[in-house]
Amino acid sequence: MRYIALFIILFILWLLLSFNFTLTNIAIGVLVSIITTILFGKYFIYGGIKFLQPQRYFWLVVYLFIFIWECIKANFDVAYRVLHPAMPIKPGIVKVKLGIKSDFARMMLANSITMTPGTITVDIIDDYIYVHWIYVSTDNPEEYSQKVSGKFEKYIKKIFE
């Protein structure tokens, strides 16, 4: 089933990139998609049929808006801390419990945290992710878990699991 999902994704990508709907271009797209699927299909993630579910794309768009908003807020927060005369930072590494199980979803969460200014993912061990945070505002694990990954994690779960 993942071969069929990969073929469909590749063919749609071909059509979007070429934006040429002649019979020749469609035939070449099908041929290239088949060859690529045969060569690289075994490396495509398991559960590839998930990518054909339209509600996942809706949540992806919602996630992108939330991610952009969180990045903008984090940029202003880091700029404030850098420009403030007292430089109010309280760095530390926090241990966040993960609620997502798939490796791909965990990788997306780690990358999202790292791309947000003021945080960087250090490691993922078992069901925990270790994050270096520029301002550890609380010692309560539930509170800092919600601040660091909570907004991202619930949408990543809807998209990738």
N, C-alpha and C. Protein backbone atom coordinates (compact mmCIF):
# COMPACT_ATOMS: atom_id res chain seq x y z
N MET A 1 0.81 -1.19 0.00
CA MET A 1 0.00 0.00 0.00
C MET A 1 0.86 1.26 0.00
N ARG A 2 2.04 1.18 0.66
CA ARG A 2 2.89 2.37 0.69
C ARG A 2 3.45 2.69 -0.69
N TYR A 3 3.58 1.68 -1.54
CA TYR A 3 4.04 1.94 -2.90
C TYR A 3 3.01 2.75 -3.68
N ILE A 4 1.75 2.42 -3.49
CA ILE A 4 0.68 3.16 -4.17
C ILE A 4 0.63 4.60 -3.66
N ALA A 5 0.74 4.77 -2.34
CA ALA A 5 0.73 6.12 -1.76
C ALA A 5 1.92 6.93 -2.26
N LEU A 6 3.10 6.31 -2.32
CA LEU A 6 4.28 7.02 -2.82
C LEU A 6 4.11 7.40 -4.28
N PHE A 7 3.57 6.49 -5.09
CA PHE A 7 3.34 6.80 -6.50
C PHE A 7 2.40 8.00 -6.66
N ILE A 8 1.31 7.99 -5.91
CA ILE A 8 0.34 9.09 -6.02
C ILE A 8 0.96 10.42 -5.60
N ILE A 9 1.71 10.40 -4.50
CA ILE A 9 2.36 11.63 -4.03
C ILE A 9 3.36 12.13 -5.05
N LEU A 10 4.17 11.24 -5.61
CA LEU A 10 5.17 11.64 -6.61
C LEU A 10 4.52 12.18 -7.88
N PHE A 11 3.45 11.53 -8.30
CA PHE A 11 2.79 11.97 -9.52
C PHE A 11 2.14 13.34 -9.33
N ILE A 12 1.50 13.55 -8.20
CA ILE A 12 0.90 14.87 -7.92
C ILE A 12 1.99 15.93 -7.83
N LEU A 13 3.11 15.59 -7.20
CA LEU A 13 4.23 16.53 -7.12
C LEU A 13 4.76 16.86 -8.51
N TRP A 14 4.84 15.86 -9.37
CA TRP A 14 5.28 16.08 -10.75
C TRP A 14 4.35 17.06 -11.46
N LEU A 15 3.06 16.85 -11.32
CA LEU A 15 2.09 17.74 -11.98
C LEU A 15 2.15 19.16 -11.41
N LEU A 16 2.34 19.27 -10.12
CA LEU A 16 2.42 20.60 -9.52
C LEU A 16 3.69 21.34 -9.93
N LEU A 17 4.79 20.62 -10.02
CA LEU A 17 6.04 21.27 -10.39
C LEU A 17 6.11 21.63 -11.88
N SER A 18 5.61 20.74 -12.71
CA SER A 18 5.67 21.01 -14.15
C SER A 18 4.52 21.89 -14.61
N PHE A 19 3.36 21.74 -14.00
CA PHE A 19 2.12 22.46 -14.34
C PHE A 19 1.88 22.45 -15.85
N ASN A 20 2.15 21.30 -16.46
CA ASN A 20 1.94 21.09 -17.88
C ASN A 20 1.09 19.83 -18.01
N PHE A 21 -0.15 19.98 -18.50
CA PHE A 21 -1.09 18.88 -18.51
C PHE A 21 -1.29 18.27 -19.90
N THR A 22 -0.23 18.30 -20.68
CA THR A 22 -0.30 17.63 -21.99
C THR A 22 -0.15 16.13 -21.78
N LEU A 23 -0.58 15.38 -22.78
CA LEU A 23 -0.52 13.92 -22.69
C LEU A 23 0.93 13.44 -22.54
N THR A 24 1.85 14.06 -23.24
CA THR A 24 3.26 13.67 -23.16
C THR A 24 3.81 13.89 -21.75
N ASN A 25 3.52 15.04 -21.18
CA ASN A 25 4.02 15.33 -19.83
C ASN A 25 3.40 14.40 -18.78
N ILE A 26 2.13 14.09 -18.93
CA ILE A 26 1.47 13.17 -18.00
C ILE A 26 2.09 11.78 -18.12
N ALA A 27 2.36 11.32 -19.34
CA ALA A 27 2.99 10.01 -19.54
C ALA A 27 4.39 9.97 -18.93
N ILE A 28 5.15 11.04 -19.13
CA ILE A 28 6.49 11.10 -18.53
C ILE A 28 6.40 11.12 -17.01
N GLY A 29 5.43 11.85 -16.48
CA GLY A 29 5.23 11.89 -15.03
C GLY A 29 4.89 10.54 -14.46
N VAL A 30 4.03 9.80 -15.15
CA VAL A 30 3.68 8.46 -14.69
C VAL A 30 4.91 7.56 -14.73
N LEU A 31 5.67 7.62 -15.82
CA LEU A 31 6.87 6.80 -15.97
C LEU A 31 7.90 7.12 -14.89
N VAL A 32 8.18 8.38 -14.68
CA VAL A 32 9.17 8.78 -13.67
C VAL A 32 8.68 8.39 -12.28
N SER A 33 7.39 8.56 -12.01
CA SER A 33 6.84 8.20 -10.70
C SER A 33 6.92 6.69 -10.46
N ILE A 34 6.67 5.90 -11.49
CA ILE A 34 6.77 4.43 -11.36
C ILE A 34 8.21 4.02 -11.09
N ILE A 35 9.15 4.56 -11.86
CA ILE A 35 10.56 4.21 -11.67
C ILE A 35 11.04 4.62 -10.29
N THR A 36 10.68 5.83 -9.85
CA THR A 36 11.09 6.29 -8.53
C THR A 36 10.46 5.45 -7.43
N THR A 37 9.21 5.07 -7.61
CA THR A 37 8.54 4.22 -6.62
C THR A 37 9.20 2.86 -6.53
N ILE A 38 9.57 2.28 -7.65
CA ILE A 38 10.23 0.98 -7.65
C ILE A 38 11.60 1.06 -6.97
N LEU A 39 12.36 2.12 -7.27
CA LEU A 39 13.71 2.25 -6.72
C LEU A 39 13.71 2.62 -5.23
N PHE A 40 12.80 3.51 -4.82
CA PHE A 40 12.87 4.05 -3.47
C PHE A 40 11.66 3.73 -2.60
N GLY A 41 10.75 2.91 -3.07
CA GLY A 41 9.55 2.60 -2.31
C GLY A 41 9.81 1.91 -0.99
N LYS A 42 10.86 1.10 -0.93
CA LYS A 42 11.13 0.40 0.33
C LYS A 42 11.63 1.34 1.41
N TYR A 43 12.07 2.54 1.04
CA TYR A 43 12.54 3.52 2.02
C TYR A 43 11.44 4.47 2.47
N PHE A 44 10.32 4.42 1.80
CA PHE A 44 9.19 5.28 2.16
C PHE A 44 8.64 4.82 3.50
N ILE A 45 8.18 5.77 4.31
CA ILE A 45 7.75 5.44 5.66
C ILE A 45 6.56 4.49 5.65
N TYR A 46 6.46 3.70 6.71
CA TYR A 46 5.33 2.79 6.86
C TYR A 46 4.08 3.60 7.17
N GLY A 47 2.96 3.09 6.76
CA GLY A 47 1.71 3.81 6.97
C GLY A 47 1.57 4.97 6.01
N GLY A 48 2.13 4.85 4.83
CA GLY A 48 2.09 5.92 3.84
C GLY A 48 0.69 6.29 3.39
N ILE A 49 -0.26 5.41 3.62
CA ILE A 49 -1.63 5.68 3.23
C ILE A 49 -2.19 6.86 4.03
N LYS A 50 -1.59 7.14 5.19
CA LYS A 50 -2.02 8.29 5.99
C LYS A 50 -1.92 9.59 5.20
N PHE A 51 -0.96 9.66 4.30
CA PHE A 51 -0.74 10.89 3.55
C PHE A 51 -1.85 11.15 2.54
N LEU A 52 -2.74 10.20 2.35
CA LEU A 52 -3.84 10.39 1.42
C LEU A 52 -5.12 10.83 2.13
N GLN A 53 -5.07 11.03 3.42
CA GLN A 53 -6.24 11.46 4.18
C GLN A 53 -6.30 12.98 4.22
N PRO A 54 -7.36 13.58 3.67
CA PRO A 54 -7.40 15.04 3.54
C PRO A 54 -7.42 15.80 4.86
N GLN A 55 -7.95 15.22 5.94
CA GLN A 55 -7.99 15.95 7.20
C GLN A 55 -6.59 16.22 7.72
N ARG A 56 -5.61 15.41 7.37
CA ARG A 56 -4.23 15.64 7.80
C ARG A 56 -3.67 16.91 7.16
N TYR A 57 -4.07 17.20 5.94
CA TYR A 57 -3.61 18.42 5.28
C TYR A 57 -4.24 19.66 5.91
N PHE A 58 -5.48 19.53 6.36
CA PHE A 58 -6.12 20.64 7.08
C PHE A 58 -5.34 20.94 8.35
N TRP A 59 -4.99 19.91 9.12
CA TRP A 59 -4.25 20.11 10.36
C TRP A 59 -2.83 20.59 10.08
N LEU A 60 -2.27 20.22 8.94
CA LEU A 60 -0.94 20.72 8.57
C LEU A 60 -0.99 22.23 8.35
N VAL A 61 -2.02 22.72 7.67
CA VAL A 61 -2.16 24.16 7.45
C VAL A 61 -2.35 24.88 8.78
N VAL A 62 -3.20 24.33 9.65
CA VAL A 62 -3.40 24.92 10.98
C VAL A 62 -2.08 24.95 11.74
N TYR A 63 -1.34 23.85 11.69
CA TYR A 63 -0.06 23.76 12.38
C TYR A 63 0.93 24.80 11.86
N LEU A 64 0.97 25.00 10.56
CA LEU A 64 1.90 25.97 9.99
C LEU A 64 1.61 27.38 10.51
N PHE A 65 0.34 27.75 10.60
CA PHE A 65 0.00 29.06 11.15
C PHE A 65 0.41 29.17 12.62
N ILE A 66 0.16 28.13 13.38
CA ILE A 66 0.53 28.15 14.80
C ILE A 66 2.05 28.18 14.96
N PHE A 67 2.75 27.41 14.14
CA PHE A 67 4.21 27.40 14.20
C PHE A 67 4.79 28.78 13.86
N ILE A 68 4.27 29.40 12.82
CA ILE A 68 4.76 30.73 12.44
C ILE A 68 4.48 31.73 13.56
N TRP A 69 3.28 31.68 14.15
CA TRP A 69 2.94 32.59 15.24
C TRP A 69 3.86 32.38 16.45
N GLU A 70 4.13 31.11 16.79
CA GLU A 70 5.01 30.83 17.93
C GLU A 70 6.44 31.28 17.64
N CYS A 71 6.88 31.16 16.40
CA CYS A 71 8.23 31.64 16.04
C CYS A 71 8.32 33.16 16.15
N ILE A 72 7.29 33.85 15.72
CA ILE A 72 7.28 35.31 15.82
C ILE A 72 7.34 35.73 17.29
N LYS A 73 6.50 35.10 18.14
CA LYS A 73 6.51 35.42 19.56
C LYS A 73 7.88 35.12 20.18
N ALA A 74 8.47 33.99 19.82
CA ALA A 74 9.77 33.61 20.37
C ALA A 74 10.87 34.55 19.91
N ASN A 75 10.78 35.03 18.67
CA ASN A 75 11.76 36.00 18.18
C ASN A 75 11.72 37.28 19.01
N PHE A 76 10.53 37.78 19.29
CA PHE A 76 10.41 38.98 20.11
C PHE A 76 10.89 38.73 21.53
N ASP A 77 10.61 37.57 22.08
CA ASP A 77 11.05 37.24 23.42
C ASP A 77 12.58 37.19 23.50
N VAL A 78 13.22 36.53 22.54
CA VAL A 78 14.68 36.46 22.53
C VAL A 78 15.29 37.84 22.30
N ALA A 79 14.69 38.63 21.40
CA ALA A 79 15.19 39.99 21.17
C ALA A 79 15.10 40.83 22.44
N TYR A 80 13.99 40.70 23.17
CA TYR A 80 13.84 41.42 24.44
C TYR A 80 14.94 41.02 25.41
N ARG A 81 15.20 39.72 25.52
CA ARG A 81 16.21 39.26 26.47
C ARG A 81 17.61 39.71 26.07
N VAL A 82 17.89 39.79 24.79
CA VAL A 82 19.21 40.23 24.33
C VAL A 82 19.38 41.74 24.52
N LEU A 83 18.34 42.50 24.25
CA LEU A 83 18.45 43.96 24.31
C LEU A 83 18.23 44.54 25.70
N HIS A 84 17.66 43.79 26.61
CA HIS A 84 17.43 44.27 27.97
C HIS A 84 18.76 44.45 28.68
N PRO A 85 18.96 45.57 29.39
CA PRO A 85 20.25 45.81 30.05
C PRO A 85 20.64 44.72 31.06
N ALA A 86 19.67 44.17 31.76
CA ALA A 86 19.98 43.13 32.75
C ALA A 86 20.07 41.74 32.13
N MET A 87 19.71 41.62 30.87
CA MET A 87 19.73 40.35 30.13
C MET A 87 19.09 39.23 30.94
N PRO A 88 17.76 39.26 31.11
CA PRO A 88 17.08 38.31 31.99
C PRO A 88 16.96 36.91 31.38
N ILE A 89 18.02 36.14 31.54
CA ILE A 89 17.97 34.76 31.06
C ILE A 89 18.15 33.82 32.25
N LYS A 90 17.58 32.65 32.11
CA LYS A 90 17.71 31.60 33.13
C LYS A 90 17.75 30.28 32.37
N PRO A 91 18.89 30.01 31.70
CA PRO A 91 18.96 28.83 30.83
C PRO A 91 18.98 27.53 31.62
N GLY A 92 18.52 26.49 30.94
CA GLY A 92 18.54 25.17 31.53
C GLY A 92 18.05 24.13 30.54
N ILE A 93 18.25 22.89 30.90
CA ILE A 93 17.77 21.78 30.08
C ILE A 93 16.58 21.16 30.79
N VAL A 94 15.48 21.05 30.08
CA VAL A 94 14.26 20.49 30.64
C VAL A 94 13.97 19.14 29.98
N LYS A 95 13.36 18.27 30.75
CA LYS A 95 13.01 16.91 30.30
C LYS A 95 11.50 16.89 30.09
N VAL A 96 11.08 16.73 28.83
CA VAL A 96 9.67 16.80 28.46
C VAL A 96 9.18 15.41 28.08
N LYS A 97 8.08 14.98 28.70
CA LYS A 97 7.46 13.69 28.38
C LYS A 97 6.72 13.80 27.06
N LEU A 98 6.97 12.86 26.16
CA LEU A 98 6.33 12.87 24.84
C LEU A 98 5.04 12.06 24.85
N GLY A 99 4.05 12.56 24.15
CA GLY A 99 2.80 11.84 23.99
C GLY A 99 2.65 11.23 22.61
N ILE A 100 3.66 11.41 21.77
CA ILE A 100 3.61 10.87 20.41
C ILE A 100 4.55 9.67 20.33
N LYS A 101 4.20 8.72 19.47
CA LYS A 101 4.93 7.45 19.44
C LYS A 101 5.79 7.24 18.19
N SER A 102 5.35 7.74 17.04
CA SER A 102 6.10 7.43 15.82
C SER A 102 7.40 8.23 15.77
N ASP A 103 8.42 7.62 15.21
CA ASP A 103 9.73 8.26 15.12
C ASP A 103 9.68 9.51 14.25
N PHE A 104 8.91 9.44 13.17
CA PHE A 104 8.82 10.59 12.26
C PHE A 104 8.15 11.78 12.96
N ALA A 105 7.09 11.51 13.71
CA ALA A 105 6.41 12.59 14.44
C ALA A 105 7.32 13.18 15.51
N ARG A 106 8.09 12.34 16.17
CA ARG A 106 9.04 12.84 17.18
C ARG A 106 10.11 13.71 16.53
N MET A 107 10.57 13.29 15.36
CA MET A 107 11.57 14.09 14.66
C MET A 107 10.99 15.44 14.25
N MET A 108 9.73 15.45 13.80
CA MET A 108 9.10 16.73 13.43
C MET A 108 8.94 17.63 14.65
N LEU A 109 8.59 17.06 15.79
CA LEU A 109 8.47 17.85 17.00
C LEU A 109 9.82 18.41 17.42
N ALA A 110 10.85 17.58 17.38
CA ALA A 110 12.19 18.04 17.75
C ALA A 110 12.66 19.16 16.83
N ASN A 111 12.40 19.03 15.54
CA ASN A 111 12.78 20.09 14.60
C ASN A 111 11.98 21.36 14.84
N SER A 112 10.71 21.23 15.15
CA SER A 112 9.88 22.40 15.41
C SER A 112 10.36 23.15 16.65
N ILE A 113 10.73 22.41 17.68
CA ILE A 113 11.25 23.04 18.89
C ILE A 113 12.58 23.73 18.60
N THR A 114 13.44 23.07 17.84
CA THR A 114 14.75 23.63 17.52
C THR A 114 14.64 24.88 16.65
N MET A 115 13.67 24.91 15.73
CA MET A 115 13.53 26.07 14.85
C MET A 115 12.89 27.26 15.54
N THR A 116 12.33 27.05 16.73
CA THR A 116 11.76 28.15 17.49
C THR A 116 12.88 28.81 18.29
N PRO A 117 13.09 30.10 18.13
CA PRO A 117 14.18 30.77 18.85
C PRO A 117 14.04 30.64 20.36
N GLY A 118 15.17 30.42 21.03
CA GLY A 118 15.18 30.29 22.47
C GLY A 118 15.16 28.85 22.96
N THR A 119 14.94 27.90 22.07
CA THR A 119 14.93 26.49 22.45
C THR A 119 15.74 25.70 21.42
N ILE A 120 16.32 24.62 21.90
CA ILE A 120 17.02 23.72 21.00
C ILE A 120 16.92 22.30 21.56
N THR A 121 16.57 21.36 20.71
CA THR A 121 16.44 19.97 21.14
C THR A 121 17.83 19.38 21.29
N VAL A 122 18.08 18.79 22.45
CA VAL A 122 19.38 18.20 22.73
C VAL A 122 19.38 16.71 22.41
N ASP A 123 18.32 15.99 22.85
CA ASP A 123 18.30 14.55 22.67
C ASP A 123 16.87 14.03 22.84
N ILE A 124 16.63 12.86 22.26
CA ILE A 124 15.38 12.14 22.48
C ILE A 124 15.77 10.76 23.01
N ILE A 125 15.33 10.48 24.23
CA ILE A 125 15.63 9.18 24.85
C ILE A 125 14.31 8.60 25.35
N ASP A 126 13.99 7.41 24.86
CA ASP A 126 12.75 6.72 25.20
C ASP A 126 11.55 7.64 24.94
N ASP A 127 10.77 7.92 25.96
CA ASP A 127 9.58 8.77 25.79
C ASP A 127 9.82 10.19 26.25
N TYR A 128 11.07 10.60 26.30
CA TYR A 128 11.41 11.95 26.76
C TYR A 128 12.24 12.68 25.72
N ILE A 129 12.03 13.97 25.67
CA ILE A 129 12.84 14.83 24.81
C ILE A 129 13.51 15.85 25.73
N TYR A 130 14.79 16.06 25.53
CA TYR A 130 15.55 17.00 26.34
C TYR A 130 15.77 18.28 25.52
N VAL A 131 15.38 19.40 26.11
CA VAL A 131 15.38 20.68 25.39
C VAL A 131 16.16 21.70 26.20
N HIS A 132 17.12 22.37 25.55
CA HIS A 132 17.78 23.51 26.18
C HIS A 132 16.90 24.73 25.93
N TRP A 133 16.58 25.42 27.01
CA TRP A 133 15.62 26.52 26.96
C TRP A 133 16.30 27.76 27.51
N ILE A 134 16.13 28.89 26.86
CA ILE A 134 16.82 30.11 27.25
C ILE A 134 16.29 30.69 28.57
N TYR A 135 15.02 30.43 28.88
CA TYR A 135 14.45 30.94 30.12
C TYR A 135 13.51 29.91 30.72
N VAL A 136 14.03 29.13 31.66
CA VAL A 136 13.23 28.12 32.34
C VAL A 136 12.40 28.85 33.39
N SER A 137 11.14 29.04 33.11
CA SER A 137 10.29 29.88 33.95
C SER A 137 9.65 29.14 35.12
N THR A 138 9.73 27.82 35.14
CA THR A 138 9.10 27.04 36.20
C THR A 138 9.84 25.73 36.39
N ASP A 139 9.65 25.15 37.56
CA ASP A 139 10.23 23.83 37.84
C ASP A 139 9.19 22.73 37.71
N ASN A 140 7.96 23.08 37.44
CA ASN A 140 6.87 22.12 37.31
C ASN A 140 6.92 21.47 35.93
N PRO A 141 7.10 20.15 35.85
CA PRO A 141 7.23 19.47 34.55
C PRO A 141 6.02 19.65 33.64
N GLU A 142 4.81 19.68 34.19
CA GLU A 142 3.62 19.84 33.35
C GLU A 142 3.59 21.22 32.70
N GLU A 143 3.96 22.24 33.48
CA GLU A 143 3.94 23.60 32.96
C GLU A 143 4.98 23.81 31.88
N TYR A 144 6.23 23.40 32.13
CA TYR A 144 7.23 23.65 31.10
C TYR A 144 7.07 22.72 29.91
N SER A 145 6.48 21.53 30.11
CA SER A 145 6.18 20.67 28.96
C SER A 145 5.17 21.34 28.05
N GLN A 146 4.16 21.95 28.66
CA GLN A 146 3.14 22.66 27.87
C GLN A 146 3.74 23.86 27.15
N LYS A 147 4.63 24.59 27.81
CA LYS A 147 5.24 25.77 27.20
C LYS A 147 6.19 25.41 26.07
N VAL A 148 6.95 24.33 26.25
CA VAL A 148 7.96 23.97 25.25
C VAL A 148 7.37 23.22 24.06
N SER A 149 6.55 22.19 24.31
CA SER A 149 6.11 21.35 23.20
C SER A 149 4.61 21.20 23.08
N GLY A 150 3.86 21.66 24.02
CA GLY A 150 2.42 21.40 24.05
C GLY A 150 1.66 21.90 22.84
N LYS A 151 1.97 23.10 22.39
CA LYS A 151 1.26 23.66 21.24
C LYS A 151 1.57 22.89 19.96
N PHE A 152 2.79 22.44 19.83
CA PHE A 152 3.19 21.72 18.63
C PHE A 152 2.74 20.27 18.65
N GLU A 153 2.86 19.64 19.82
CA GLU A 153 2.67 18.20 19.92
C GLU A 153 1.25 17.77 19.54
N LYS A 154 0.24 18.50 19.97
CA LYS A 154 -1.13 18.06 19.68
C LYS A 154 -1.43 18.12 18.18
N TYR A 155 -0.86 19.07 17.47
CA TYR A 155 -1.10 19.15 16.02
C TYR A 155 -0.25 18.15 15.26
N ILE A 156 0.98 17.93 15.70
CA ILE A 156 1.83 16.94 15.06
C ILE A 156 1.21 15.55 15.21
N LYS A 157 0.59 15.29 16.34
CA LYS A 157 -0.09 14.01 16.56
C LYS A 157 -1.23 13.84 15.56
N LYS A 158 -1.98 14.91 15.29
CA LYS A 158 -3.11 14.83 14.34
C LYS A 158 -2.61 14.67 12.91
N ILE A 159 -1.43 15.17 12.62
CA ILE A 159 -0.91 15.11 11.24
C ILE A 159 -0.23 13.77 10.97
N PHE A 160 0.62 13.32 11.87
CA PHE A 160 1.50 12.19 11.57
C PHE A 160 1.16 10.88 12.27
N GLU A 161 0.18 10.86 13.16
CA GLU A 161 -0.14 9.58 13.81
C GLU A 161 -1.55 9.16 13.53
